[in-house]
N, C-alpha and C. Protein backbone atom coordinates (compact mmCIF):
# COMPACT_ATOMS: atom_id res chain seq x y z
N UNK A 1 -33.00 -23.27 16.95
CA UNK A 1 -33.62 -23.73 15.90
C UNK A 1 -35.40 -24.04 16.75
N UNK A 2 -34.86 -24.83 18.27
CA UNK A 2 -35.69 -25.47 18.42
C UNK A 2 -36.86 -24.25 19.21
N UNK A 3 -36.42 -23.67 19.36
CA UNK A 3 -37.37 -22.14 19.81
C UNK A 3 -38.66 -22.43 19.84
N UNK A 4 -40.06 -22.38 20.41
CA UNK A 4 -41.60 -22.19 20.04
C UNK A 4 -41.52 -21.10 18.71
N UNK A 5 -41.93 -21.05 17.88
CA UNK A 5 -42.60 -19.82 16.86
C UNK A 5 -41.52 -19.49 15.87
N UNK A 6 -40.39 -20.71 15.72
CA UNK A 6 -39.11 -20.46 14.93
C UNK A 6 -39.88 -21.39 13.59
N UNK A 7 -39.62 -21.08 12.32
CA UNK A 7 -39.39 -21.93 11.47
C UNK A 7 -38.84 -21.13 10.05
N UNK A 8 -38.48 -22.65 9.60
CA UNK A 8 -37.13 -22.47 8.33
C UNK A 8 -36.89 -23.44 7.65
N UNK A 9 -37.52 -22.96 6.02
CA UNK A 9 -37.65 -24.04 5.31
C UNK A 9 -36.71 -23.15 3.97
N UNK A 10 -35.82 -24.16 3.82
CA UNK A 10 -34.85 -23.76 2.19
C UNK A 10 -35.69 -23.01 1.04
N UNK A 11 -35.13 -21.98 0.64
CA UNK A 11 -36.00 -21.28 -0.42
C UNK A 11 -35.84 -22.14 -1.58
N UNK A 12 -36.68 -22.74 -2.87
CA UNK A 12 -37.05 -23.42 -3.72
C UNK A 12 -37.47 -21.92 -5.16
N UNK A 13 -36.99 -22.74 -6.41
CA UNK A 13 -37.40 -22.34 -7.26
C UNK A 13 -37.21 -20.93 -7.55
N UNK A 14 -35.45 -20.38 -7.09
CA UNK A 14 -34.73 -19.43 -7.34
C UNK A 14 -34.10 -19.17 -8.56
N UNK A 15 -34.41 -18.12 -9.36
CA UNK A 15 -33.49 -17.91 -10.94
C UNK A 15 -32.03 -17.83 -10.58
N UNK A 16 -31.88 -16.71 -9.53
CA UNK A 16 -30.48 -16.45 -9.05
C UNK A 16 -30.10 -16.78 -7.73
N UNK A 17 -28.64 -16.89 -8.05
CA UNK A 17 -28.15 -17.91 -6.87
C UNK A 17 -28.22 -18.89 -5.95
N UNK A 18 -28.15 -19.80 -7.35
CA UNK A 18 -28.92 -20.90 -7.41
C UNK A 18 -27.80 -21.69 -6.35
N UNK A 19 -26.61 -21.48 -6.46
CA UNK A 19 -25.38 -22.59 -5.59
C UNK A 19 -25.28 -22.48 -4.21
N UNK A 20 -26.41 -21.59 -4.41
CA UNK A 20 -25.99 -20.94 -2.34
C UNK A 20 -27.44 -21.71 -1.67
N UNK A 21 -27.62 -22.18 -1.07
CA UNK A 21 -29.06 -23.09 0.06
C UNK A 21 -28.75 -21.53 0.86
N UNK A 22 -30.54 -20.86 0.31
CA UNK A 22 -30.67 -19.40 1.27
C UNK A 22 -32.20 -20.48 2.26
N UNK A 23 -32.15 -19.62 3.36
CA UNK A 23 -33.15 -19.98 3.98
C UNK A 23 -34.01 -19.17 4.17
N UNK A 24 -35.75 -19.62 4.35
CA UNK A 24 -36.46 -18.65 4.66
C UNK A 24 -37.16 -18.69 5.72
N UNK A 25 -36.83 -17.52 6.98
CA UNK A 25 -36.89 -17.80 8.19
C UNK A 25 -38.32 -17.25 8.47
N UNK A 26 -39.24 -17.78 9.55
CA UNK A 26 -40.33 -17.09 10.07
C UNK A 26 -40.10 -16.74 11.55
N UNK A 27 -40.41 -15.75 12.03
CA UNK A 27 -40.55 -15.85 13.45
C UNK A 27 -41.81 -15.27 14.18
N UNK A 28 -42.73 -16.53 14.94
CA UNK A 28 -44.18 -16.14 15.63
C UNK A 28 -43.98 -16.24 16.80
N UNK A 29 -44.07 -14.81 17.30
CA UNK A 29 -44.37 -14.66 18.89
C UNK A 29 -42.48 -15.14 19.45
N UNK A 30 -41.63 -15.71 18.74
CA UNK A 30 -40.51 -16.04 19.40
C UNK A 30 -40.03 -14.97 20.64
N UNK A 31 -39.64 -15.85 21.47
CA UNK A 31 -38.93 -15.35 22.91
C UNK A 31 -37.56 -15.53 22.69
N UNK A 32 -36.38 -14.67 22.58
CA UNK A 32 -35.23 -14.87 22.50
C UNK A 32 -34.36 -14.66 24.01
N UNK A 33 -33.80 -15.80 25.27
CA UNK A 33 -33.64 -15.23 26.45
C UNK A 33 -32.44 -14.62 26.31
N UNK A 34 -32.20 -13.51 27.36
CA UNK A 34 -31.30 -12.44 27.27
C UNK A 34 -29.57 -13.11 27.06
N UNK A 35 -29.45 -14.58 27.79
CA UNK A 35 -28.44 -15.33 27.72
C UNK A 35 -27.86 -15.82 26.09
N UNK A 36 -28.98 -15.54 25.10
CA UNK A 36 -28.51 -15.87 23.74
C UNK A 36 -28.23 -14.76 23.16
N UNK A 37 -28.89 -13.52 23.59
CA UNK A 37 -28.52 -11.95 23.15
C UNK A 37 -26.73 -12.22 22.60
N UNK A 38 -26.92 -11.64 21.15
CA UNK A 38 -25.44 -11.54 20.69
C UNK A 38 -24.72 -10.52 21.33
N UNK A 39 -23.49 -10.79 21.98
CA UNK A 39 -22.47 -10.18 22.14
C UNK A 39 -21.89 -8.67 21.55
N UNK A 40 -22.84 -7.60 21.98
CA UNK A 40 -21.70 -6.58 21.40
C UNK A 40 -23.16 -5.50 20.59
N UNK A 41 -23.92 -6.41 20.28
CA UNK A 41 -25.38 -6.24 19.75
C UNK A 41 -26.44 -5.19 20.51
N UNK A 42 -26.61 -4.01 20.14
CA UNK A 42 -27.36 -2.77 21.30
C UNK A 42 -28.43 -2.05 20.90
N UNK A 43 -28.03 -1.88 19.32
CA UNK A 43 -28.98 -1.07 18.92
C UNK A 43 -28.51 -1.25 16.93
N UNK A 44 -29.27 -0.65 16.27
CA UNK A 44 -29.23 -0.80 14.69
C UNK A 44 -28.07 0.20 14.36
N UNK A 45 -27.11 1.16 14.93
CA UNK A 45 -25.77 1.02 14.65
C UNK A 45 -24.58 -0.26 14.33
N UNK A 46 -25.24 -1.40 15.61
CA UNK A 46 -24.48 -2.34 15.18
C UNK A 46 -24.23 -3.11 14.12
N UNK A 47 -25.94 -3.26 13.66
CA UNK A 47 -26.15 -4.13 12.98
C UNK A 47 -25.27 -3.21 11.69
N UNK A 48 -25.44 -2.16 11.44
CA UNK A 48 -24.90 -0.78 10.48
C UNK A 48 -23.75 -1.87 9.86
N UNK A 49 -22.85 -1.98 11.43
CA UNK A 49 -21.34 -2.31 11.11
C UNK A 49 -21.33 -3.58 10.02
N UNK A 50 -22.56 -3.91 10.63
CA UNK A 50 -22.30 -6.12 9.50
C UNK A 50 -22.50 -5.57 8.45
N UNK A 51 -23.77 -4.82 8.17
CA UNK A 51 -23.78 -4.20 6.62
C UNK A 51 -22.53 -3.88 6.10
N UNK A 52 -22.14 -2.68 6.70
CA UNK A 52 -21.06 -1.85 6.06
C UNK A 52 -19.78 -3.20 5.12
N UNK A 53 -19.56 -4.10 6.49
CA UNK A 53 -18.67 -5.10 5.90
C UNK A 53 -19.32 -5.61 4.91
N UNK A 54 -20.29 -6.45 4.88
CA UNK A 54 -21.08 -7.40 3.64
C UNK A 54 -21.07 -6.62 2.63
N UNK A 55 -20.96 -5.28 2.22
CA UNK A 55 -21.34 -4.37 1.33
C UNK A 55 -19.96 -4.19 0.80
N UNK A 56 -19.21 -3.73 1.51
CA UNK A 56 -17.64 -4.48 0.75
C UNK A 56 -17.23 -5.99 0.31
N UNK A 57 -17.84 -6.35 0.66
CA UNK A 57 -17.58 -7.61 0.16
C UNK A 57 -18.66 -7.99 -1.31
N UNK A 58 -19.58 -7.32 -1.15
CA UNK A 58 -20.48 -7.03 -2.48
C UNK A 58 -20.20 -6.80 -3.18
N UNK A 59 -18.93 -5.20 -3.20
CA UNK A 59 -18.52 -4.69 -3.88
C UNK A 59 -17.42 -5.54 -4.81
N UNK A 60 -16.58 -6.66 -4.16
CA UNK A 60 -16.51 -7.40 -4.82
C UNK A 60 -16.71 -8.59 -5.54
N UNK A 61 -17.75 -9.03 -4.93
CA UNK A 61 -18.52 -9.91 -6.16
C UNK A 61 -18.73 -9.54 -7.30
N UNK A 62 -19.56 -8.38 -7.61
CA UNK A 62 -20.08 -7.48 -8.64
C UNK A 62 -18.49 -7.60 -9.67
N UNK A 63 -17.32 -7.04 -9.42
CA UNK A 63 -16.17 -7.21 -10.27
C UNK A 63 -15.69 -8.67 -10.79
N UNK A 64 -16.03 -9.70 -9.76
CA UNK A 64 -16.38 -10.66 -9.91
C UNK A 64 -17.20 -11.39 -11.18
N UNK A 65 -18.28 -10.82 -11.32
CA UNK A 65 -19.33 -11.39 -12.30
C UNK A 65 -18.86 -10.33 -13.50
N UNK A 66 -18.41 -9.68 -13.16
CA UNK A 66 -18.33 -8.48 -14.29
C UNK A 66 -16.73 -8.74 -15.62
N UNK A 67 -16.06 -9.55 -14.52
CA UNK A 67 -14.75 -9.66 -15.07
C UNK A 67 -14.91 -11.32 -16.01
N UNK A 68 -15.88 -12.26 -15.14
CA UNK A 68 -16.30 -13.42 -15.96
C UNK A 68 -16.86 -12.78 -16.93
N UNK A 69 -17.81 -12.19 -17.14
CA UNK A 69 -18.88 -11.52 -17.88
C UNK A 69 -17.91 -11.18 -19.23
N UNK A 70 -17.06 -10.04 -18.97
CA UNK A 70 -15.79 -9.82 -19.70
C UNK A 70 -15.20 -10.76 -20.78
N UNK A 71 -14.59 -11.90 -19.87
CA UNK A 71 -14.19 -13.04 -20.42
C UNK A 71 -14.59 -13.70 -21.49
N UNK A 72 -16.43 -13.90 -20.97
CA UNK A 72 -16.76 -15.06 -21.82
C UNK A 72 -17.55 -14.18 -23.21
N UNK A 73 -17.84 -12.86 -22.89
CA UNK A 73 -17.84 -12.13 -23.85
C UNK A 73 -16.16 -12.32 -25.21
N UNK A 74 -15.03 -12.36 -24.14
CA UNK A 74 -13.84 -11.95 -25.34
C UNK A 74 -13.76 -12.95 -26.02
N UNK A 75 -13.95 -14.03 -25.39
CA UNK A 75 -13.74 -15.68 -25.50
C UNK A 75 -14.43 -15.77 -27.17
N UNK A 76 -15.78 -15.61 -26.75
CA UNK A 76 -16.99 -15.94 -27.63
C UNK A 76 -16.59 -15.19 -29.25
N UNK A 77 -16.73 -13.95 -28.71
CA UNK A 77 -16.53 -12.86 -30.15
C UNK A 77 -14.69 -13.27 -31.19
N UNK A 78 -14.17 -13.93 -30.05
CA UNK A 78 -12.99 -14.14 -30.94
C UNK A 78 -13.38 -15.33 -31.91
N UNK A 79 -13.86 -16.35 -30.81
CA UNK A 79 -14.14 -17.56 -32.02
C UNK A 79 -15.10 -17.93 -32.57
N UNK A 80 -16.07 -16.96 -32.58
CA UNK A 80 -17.66 -16.74 -33.40
C UNK A 80 -17.27 -16.31 -34.59
N UNK A 81 -17.80 -16.70 -35.49
CA UNK A 81 -17.60 -16.18 -37.06
C UNK A 81 -18.78 -15.68 -37.52
N UNK A 82 -18.84 -14.29 -38.10
CA UNK A 82 -20.01 -14.05 -38.99
C UNK A 82 -19.49 -13.28 -39.99
N UNK A 83 -20.11 -13.81 -41.51
CA UNK A 83 -19.92 -13.13 -42.60
C UNK A 83 -18.11 -13.36 -42.80
N UNK A 84 -18.04 -14.37 -42.19
CA UNK A 84 -16.08 -14.64 -42.45
C UNK A 84 -15.47 -14.38 -41.71
N UNK A 85 -15.52 -13.62 -40.65
CA UNK A 85 -14.56 -13.01 -39.75
C UNK A 85 -15.47 -13.33 -38.33
N UNK A 86 -14.27 -13.16 -37.77
CA UNK A 86 -14.44 -13.47 -35.82
C UNK A 86 -15.55 -12.03 -35.68
N UNK A 87 -16.29 -12.16 -34.88
CA UNK A 87 -17.20 -11.26 -34.52
C UNK A 87 -16.69 -10.01 -33.79
N UNK A 88 -15.32 -10.59 -33.37
CA UNK A 88 -14.17 -9.41 -31.99
C UNK A 88 -13.26 -8.65 -33.50
N UNK A 89 -13.64 -8.84 -34.70
CA UNK A 89 -12.97 -7.75 -35.91
C UNK A 89 -14.18 -6.39 -36.34
N UNK A 90 -15.24 -6.79 -35.81
CA UNK A 90 -16.58 -5.36 -36.29
C UNK A 90 -16.09 -4.29 -34.90
N UNK A 91 -16.63 -3.27 -35.82
CA UNK A 91 -15.97 -1.81 -34.65
C UNK A 91 -17.13 -1.77 -33.31
N UNK A 92 -18.42 -2.21 -33.59
CA UNK A 92 -19.24 -2.50 -32.30
C UNK A 92 -19.18 -3.04 -31.26
N UNK A 93 -18.57 -4.27 -31.80
CA UNK A 93 -18.32 -5.25 -30.63
C UNK A 93 -16.65 -4.50 -30.03
N UNK A 94 -15.71 -4.33 -31.34
CA UNK A 94 -14.70 -4.05 -30.22
C UNK A 94 -14.92 -2.90 -28.96
N UNK A 95 -16.09 -1.33 -29.60
CA UNK A 95 -16.35 -0.68 -28.38
C UNK A 95 -16.92 -1.43 -27.74
N UNK A 96 -18.07 -2.32 -27.69
CA UNK A 96 -18.80 -2.46 -25.84
C UNK A 96 -17.23 -3.53 -25.24
N UNK A 97 -16.52 -3.86 -26.03
CA UNK A 97 -15.55 -4.69 -25.51
C UNK A 97 -14.11 -3.69 -24.51
N UNK A 98 -14.00 -2.79 -25.43
CA UNK A 98 -13.19 -1.86 -24.41
C UNK A 98 -14.13 -0.70 -23.17
N UNK A 99 -15.74 -0.96 -23.44
CA UNK A 99 -16.27 0.29 -22.22
C UNK A 99 -15.90 -1.26 -21.23
N UNK A 100 -16.33 -2.02 -21.45
CA UNK A 100 -16.65 -3.19 -20.64
C UNK A 100 -15.26 -3.39 -19.81
N UNK A 101 -14.26 -3.28 -20.75
CA UNK A 101 -13.26 -3.26 -20.03
C UNK A 101 -12.67 -1.97 -18.89
N UNK A 102 -13.05 -0.98 -19.29
CA UNK A 102 -12.71 -0.09 -18.59
C UNK A 102 -13.56 -0.24 -17.54
N UNK A 103 -15.25 -0.28 -17.46
CA UNK A 103 -15.71 -0.55 -16.34
C UNK A 103 -15.41 -1.32 -15.14
N UNK A 104 -14.53 -2.95 -15.88
CA UNK A 104 -13.90 -3.54 -14.79
C UNK A 104 -12.62 -2.75 -14.01
N UNK A 105 -12.14 -2.44 -15.05
CA UNK A 105 -10.50 -1.55 -13.88
C UNK A 105 -11.06 -0.44 -13.42
N UNK A 106 -11.90 -0.08 -13.80
CA UNK A 106 -12.48 1.22 -12.89
C UNK A 106 -12.88 0.58 -11.78
N UNK A 107 -14.03 -1.23 -10.96
CA UNK A 107 -14.30 -1.50 -10.04
C UNK A 107 -13.51 -2.00 -9.73
N UNK A 108 -12.50 -2.80 -10.03
CA UNK A 108 -11.51 -3.02 -9.23
C UNK A 108 -10.44 -1.88 -8.37
N UNK A 109 -10.11 -1.45 -9.47
CA UNK A 109 -9.59 0.39 -8.63
C UNK A 109 -10.28 0.52 -7.46
N UNK A 110 -11.52 0.74 -7.58
CA UNK A 110 -12.51 1.32 -6.46
C UNK A 110 -12.07 0.37 -5.23
N UNK A 111 -12.37 -1.05 -5.38
CA UNK A 111 -12.44 -1.91 -4.60
C UNK A 111 -11.04 -1.77 -4.12
N UNK A 112 -10.15 -1.93 -4.49
CA UNK A 112 -8.70 -1.66 -4.32
C UNK A 112 -8.48 -0.95 -2.99
N UNK A 113 -8.82 0.50 -3.69
CA UNK A 113 -8.43 1.33 -2.63
C UNK A 113 -9.76 1.45 -1.29
N UNK A 114 -10.51 0.77 -1.99
CA UNK A 114 -11.18 0.27 -0.59
C UNK A 114 -11.14 -0.61 0.74
N UNK A 115 -9.90 -1.68 0.01
CA UNK A 115 -9.49 -2.44 0.99
C UNK A 115 -8.37 -1.55 1.52
N UNK A 116 -7.08 -0.64 1.14
CA UNK A 116 -6.88 -0.22 1.53
C UNK A 116 -7.18 0.73 2.83
N UNK A 117 -7.86 1.43 2.52
CA UNK A 117 -8.96 1.95 3.45
C UNK A 117 -9.42 1.51 4.96
N UNK A 118 -9.80 0.31 4.40
CA UNK A 118 -10.30 -0.69 5.25
C UNK A 118 -9.36 -1.27 5.97
N UNK A 119 -8.47 -1.36 5.17
CA UNK A 119 -6.96 -1.88 6.53
C UNK A 119 -6.39 -0.98 6.88
N UNK A 120 -6.44 0.58 6.84
CA UNK A 120 -6.04 1.45 7.60
C UNK A 120 -7.05 2.05 8.53
N UNK A 121 -8.43 1.22 8.76
CA UNK A 121 -9.51 1.48 9.19
C UNK A 121 -9.87 2.66 9.45
N UNK A 122 -10.32 3.66 7.98
CA UNK A 122 -10.58 4.53 7.53
C UNK A 122 -11.76 4.18 6.26
N UNK A 123 -12.44 3.50 6.38
CA UNK A 123 -13.62 2.80 5.34
C UNK A 123 -14.46 3.08 5.94
N UNK A 124 -15.69 3.97 5.63
CA UNK A 124 -16.65 4.43 6.40
C UNK A 124 -17.85 4.17 5.91
N UNK A 125 -19.03 4.21 6.57
CA UNK A 125 -20.32 3.29 5.99
C UNK A 125 -20.27 3.86 4.17
N UNK A 126 -20.42 5.22 4.14
CA UNK A 126 -20.73 5.76 2.69
C UNK A 126 -19.65 5.21 1.74
N UNK A 127 -18.27 5.27 2.37
CA UNK A 127 -17.56 4.28 1.33
C UNK A 127 -17.62 3.14 0.58
N UNK A 128 -18.59 1.84 1.92
CA UNK A 128 -18.73 0.97 1.32
C UNK A 128 -20.09 1.11 0.56
N UNK A 129 -20.77 1.92 0.77
CA UNK A 129 -22.33 1.94 -0.33
C UNK A 129 -22.05 2.25 -1.37
N UNK A 130 -21.01 3.29 -1.50
CA UNK A 130 -20.32 3.72 -2.65
C UNK A 130 -20.13 2.83 -3.65
N UNK A 131 -19.16 2.12 -3.00
CA UNK A 131 -18.17 1.06 -3.69
C UNK A 131 -19.60 -0.33 -4.23
N UNK A 132 -20.23 -0.66 -3.61
CA UNK A 132 -21.81 -1.35 -3.87
C UNK A 132 -22.21 -0.98 -4.66
N UNK A 133 -22.63 0.25 -4.62
CA UNK A 133 -24.18 1.09 -5.13
C UNK A 133 -23.19 1.52 -6.90
N UNK A 134 -21.68 1.88 -7.11
CA UNK A 134 -21.38 1.66 -7.87
C UNK A 134 -21.08 0.71 -8.77
N UNK A 135 -19.86 -0.64 -8.09
CA UNK A 135 -19.60 -1.70 -9.23
C UNK A 135 -21.15 -3.07 -9.19
N UNK A 136 -22.31 -2.93 -8.15
CA UNK A 136 -23.64 -3.28 -8.76
C UNK A 136 -23.94 -2.73 -10.12
N UNK A 137 -23.49 -1.57 -10.19
CA UNK A 137 -24.33 -0.78 -11.38
C UNK A 137 -23.61 -0.76 -12.48
N UNK A 138 -22.21 -0.77 -12.43
CA UNK A 138 -21.30 -0.91 -13.75
C UNK A 138 -21.29 -2.72 -13.91
N UNK A 139 -21.56 -3.44 -12.93
CA UNK A 139 -21.30 -4.77 -13.52
C UNK A 139 -22.45 -5.43 -13.79
N UNK A 140 -23.59 -4.79 -14.09
CA UNK A 140 -25.37 -5.24 -14.17
C UNK A 140 -24.96 -4.58 -15.62
N UNK A 141 -24.21 -3.39 -16.26
CA UNK A 141 -24.11 -3.49 -17.65
C UNK A 141 -23.05 -4.09 -18.00
N UNK A 142 -21.75 -4.44 -17.49
CA UNK A 142 -20.97 -5.30 -18.32
C UNK A 142 -22.00 -6.59 -18.68
N UNK A 143 -22.56 -7.44 -17.46
CA UNK A 143 -22.85 -8.45 -17.83
C UNK A 143 -24.18 -8.80 -18.51
N UNK A 144 -25.20 -7.13 -19.05
CA UNK A 144 -26.27 -7.45 -20.17
C UNK A 144 -25.39 -7.15 -21.30
N UNK A 145 -24.04 -6.66 -21.63
CA UNK A 145 -23.31 -6.30 -22.85
C UNK A 145 -22.86 -7.85 -23.38
N UNK A 146 -22.32 -8.36 -22.41
CA UNK A 146 -22.17 -9.66 -22.78
C UNK A 146 -23.04 -10.54 -23.07
N UNK A 147 -24.15 -10.78 -22.79
CA UNK A 147 -25.04 -11.45 -22.85
C UNK A 147 -25.63 -11.02 -23.99
N UNK A 148 -26.12 -9.42 -24.79
CA UNK A 148 -26.25 -8.90 -25.91
C UNK A 148 -25.34 -9.60 -27.08
N UNK A 149 -23.69 -9.28 -26.85
CA UNK A 149 -22.71 -10.00 -27.73
C UNK A 149 -22.84 -11.37 -27.85
N UNK A 150 -23.26 -11.91 -26.76
CA UNK A 150 -23.06 -13.56 -27.13
C UNK A 150 -24.79 -14.31 -28.20
N UNK A 151 -25.84 -12.84 -28.47
CA UNK A 151 -26.75 -13.18 -29.39
C UNK A 151 -27.19 -14.15 -28.14
N UNK A 152 -28.36 -15.28 -29.10
CA UNK A 152 -29.20 -16.25 -28.44
C UNK A 152 -28.46 -17.35 -27.68
N UNK A 153 -27.23 -17.71 -28.24
CA UNK A 153 -26.17 -18.23 -26.99
C UNK A 153 -26.17 -17.78 -25.97
N UNK A 154 -26.50 -16.11 -25.82
CA UNK A 154 -26.12 -15.57 -24.01
C UNK A 154 -27.18 -16.12 -23.18
N UNK A 155 -28.27 -16.90 -23.39
CA UNK A 155 -29.09 -17.69 -22.88
C UNK A 155 -29.22 -19.37 -22.64
N UNK A 156 -28.13 -19.19 -23.51
CA UNK A 156 -27.78 -20.95 -23.12
C UNK A 156 -26.69 -21.04 -21.70
N UNK A 157 -27.04 -22.13 -20.55
CA UNK A 157 -26.61 -22.64 -19.45
C UNK A 157 -24.67 -22.63 -19.77
N UNK A 158 -24.56 -23.38 -20.88
CA UNK A 158 -23.39 -23.58 -21.47
C UNK A 158 -22.15 -22.62 -21.44
N UNK A 159 -22.81 -21.22 -21.48
CA UNK A 159 -21.60 -20.13 -21.98
C UNK A 159 -21.87 -19.30 -20.62
N UNK A 160 -22.66 -19.79 -19.42
CA UNK A 160 -22.60 -19.17 -18.26
C UNK A 160 -23.43 -17.54 -18.24
N UNK A 161 -23.69 -16.66 -19.22
CA UNK A 161 -23.85 -15.36 -19.04
C UNK A 161 -25.00 -15.40 -18.39
N UNK A 162 -26.24 -16.46 -18.69
CA UNK A 162 -27.79 -16.56 -18.10
C UNK A 162 -27.22 -16.07 -16.93
N UNK A 163 -26.48 -16.92 -16.07
CA UNK A 163 -26.39 -17.41 -14.77
C UNK A 163 -25.72 -15.95 -14.18
N UNK A 164 -25.15 -15.81 -14.74
CA UNK A 164 -24.18 -14.42 -14.57
C UNK A 164 -25.28 -13.21 -14.51
N UNK A 165 -26.19 -13.02 -15.52
CA UNK A 165 -27.29 -12.17 -15.76
C UNK A 165 -28.47 -12.45 -14.40
N UNK A 166 -28.77 -13.58 -13.82
CA UNK A 166 -29.20 -13.67 -13.10
C UNK A 166 -29.09 -13.45 -11.86
N UNK A 167 -27.72 -13.34 -11.13
CA UNK A 167 -26.89 -13.36 -10.12
C UNK A 167 -26.86 -12.09 -9.98
N UNK A 168 -26.42 -11.24 -11.01
CA UNK A 168 -25.86 -9.90 -10.97
C UNK A 168 -27.37 -9.03 -10.57
N UNK A 169 -28.14 -9.36 -10.46
CA UNK A 169 -29.43 -8.55 -10.27
C UNK A 169 -29.61 -9.05 -9.02
N UNK A 170 -29.63 -10.35 -8.38
CA UNK A 170 -29.85 -10.38 -7.34
C UNK A 170 -28.56 -9.11 -6.27
N UNK A 171 -27.40 -9.66 -6.76
CA UNK A 171 -26.29 -8.34 -6.37
C UNK A 171 -26.72 -7.27 -6.16
N UNK A 172 -27.07 -6.49 -7.30
CA UNK A 172 -28.37 -5.19 -7.33
C UNK A 172 -28.87 -4.80 -6.38
N UNK A 173 -29.51 -6.14 -5.63
CA UNK A 173 -30.34 -5.60 -4.50
C UNK A 173 -30.36 -6.15 -3.42
N UNK A 174 -29.41 -7.13 -2.84
CA UNK A 174 -28.92 -7.34 -1.89
C UNK A 174 -28.17 -6.60 -0.77
N UNK A 175 -28.09 -6.82 0.59
CA UNK A 175 -27.54 -5.63 1.27
C UNK A 175 -27.74 -4.47 0.99
N UNK A 176 -28.66 -4.23 0.77
CA UNK A 176 -29.68 -2.45 0.36
C UNK A 176 -29.57 -2.55 -1.14
N UNK A 177 -30.81 -2.00 -1.17
CA UNK A 177 -31.23 -1.75 -2.89
C UNK A 177 -30.07 -0.64 -3.29
N UNK A 178 -29.87 0.18 -4.65
CA UNK A 178 -29.31 1.01 -5.25
C UNK A 178 -29.59 2.33 -4.36
N UNK A 179 -31.39 2.37 -4.20
CA UNK A 179 -31.58 3.39 -3.84
C UNK A 179 -31.43 3.76 -2.09
N UNK A 180 -31.06 2.50 -1.89
CA UNK A 180 -30.82 2.79 0.11
C UNK A 180 -29.16 3.23 -0.10
N UNK A 181 -28.32 2.60 -0.87
CA UNK A 181 -26.81 3.05 -1.25
C UNK A 181 -26.73 4.87 -1.30
N UNK A 182 -27.45 4.89 -2.39
CA UNK A 182 -27.57 5.98 -2.89
C UNK A 182 -27.95 7.63 -1.58
N UNK A 183 -28.83 7.00 -0.85
CA UNK A 183 -28.83 7.60 0.76
C UNK A 183 -28.09 7.75 1.63
N UNK A 184 -27.54 6.76 1.48
CA UNK A 184 -26.48 6.46 2.90
C UNK A 184 -25.29 7.10 2.14
N UNK A 185 -24.97 7.25 1.10
CA UNK A 185 -23.88 8.13 0.53
C UNK A 185 -24.27 9.67 0.55
N UNK A 186 -25.35 9.91 0.20
CA UNK A 186 -25.69 11.23 0.40
C UNK A 186 -26.35 11.73 1.77
N UNK A 187 -26.36 10.98 3.16
CA UNK A 187 -25.98 11.12 4.09
C UNK A 187 -24.55 11.71 4.70
N UNK A 188 -23.58 11.03 3.96
CA UNK A 188 -22.36 11.37 4.18
C UNK A 188 -21.88 12.21 3.62
N UNK A 189 -21.86 12.42 2.70
CA UNK A 189 -21.22 13.84 1.53
C UNK A 189 -22.23 15.04 2.11
N UNK A 190 -23.61 15.00 2.52
CA UNK A 190 -24.46 15.91 3.12
C UNK A 190 -24.63 16.58 4.36
N UNK A 191 -24.24 15.50 5.17
CA UNK A 191 -24.66 15.45 6.28
C UNK A 191 -25.89 15.43 6.91
N UNK A 192 -26.88 15.10 6.27
CA UNK A 192 -28.01 15.34 6.20
C UNK A 192 -28.82 13.58 6.30
N UNK A 193 -29.76 13.68 7.21
CA UNK A 193 -29.90 12.31 6.50
C UNK A 193 -31.84 12.35 6.12
N UNK A 194 -31.51 11.47 4.97
CA UNK A 194 -33.13 11.21 4.19
C UNK A 194 -33.96 10.46 4.73
N UNK A 195 -33.13 9.41 5.61
CA UNK A 195 -34.60 8.51 6.28
C UNK A 195 -35.16 8.85 7.13
N UNK A 196 -35.95 8.69 7.40
CA UNK A 196 -36.99 9.38 8.40
C UNK A 196 -37.55 8.17 8.90
């Protein structure tokens, strides 16, 4: 941190991931001595291994947001009454809850299988990207449906959906956007790289 040209400041005014302190780092002509080089880091392939591991974690993070949103929506619709009966008794609400549960279950199973492959030393970059891409998309859908089911209360902090809604947008983007994940998966299934 004492290297000339290194600047770091805590990011402020974030809408998403507010519980996490993140730093904006600027490097201006910074020279790093060879003795400070990360051991084992020689090329972007080494960086890619780290990204694969973090994408695996992000796939699980998406599951967490989706489960939380589903549980909040289920609890809310059981307790909130409309026209003298719980919201959960209406067909559209039950259809949405069923779809949300199907998405959550699919996400969990994908992560379970990926965990088994990781433990066996068989997880690939494409597998981690597929899980991150799929789960971030599905979690985004689940959280949006939950927010909609809570109506106007869905934007109030006391119900937490707005926080999950903002956070899942960050999850959808970091560790590589949805488009980047699809290109990694595409490279693995076709053997051809679209990155130039």
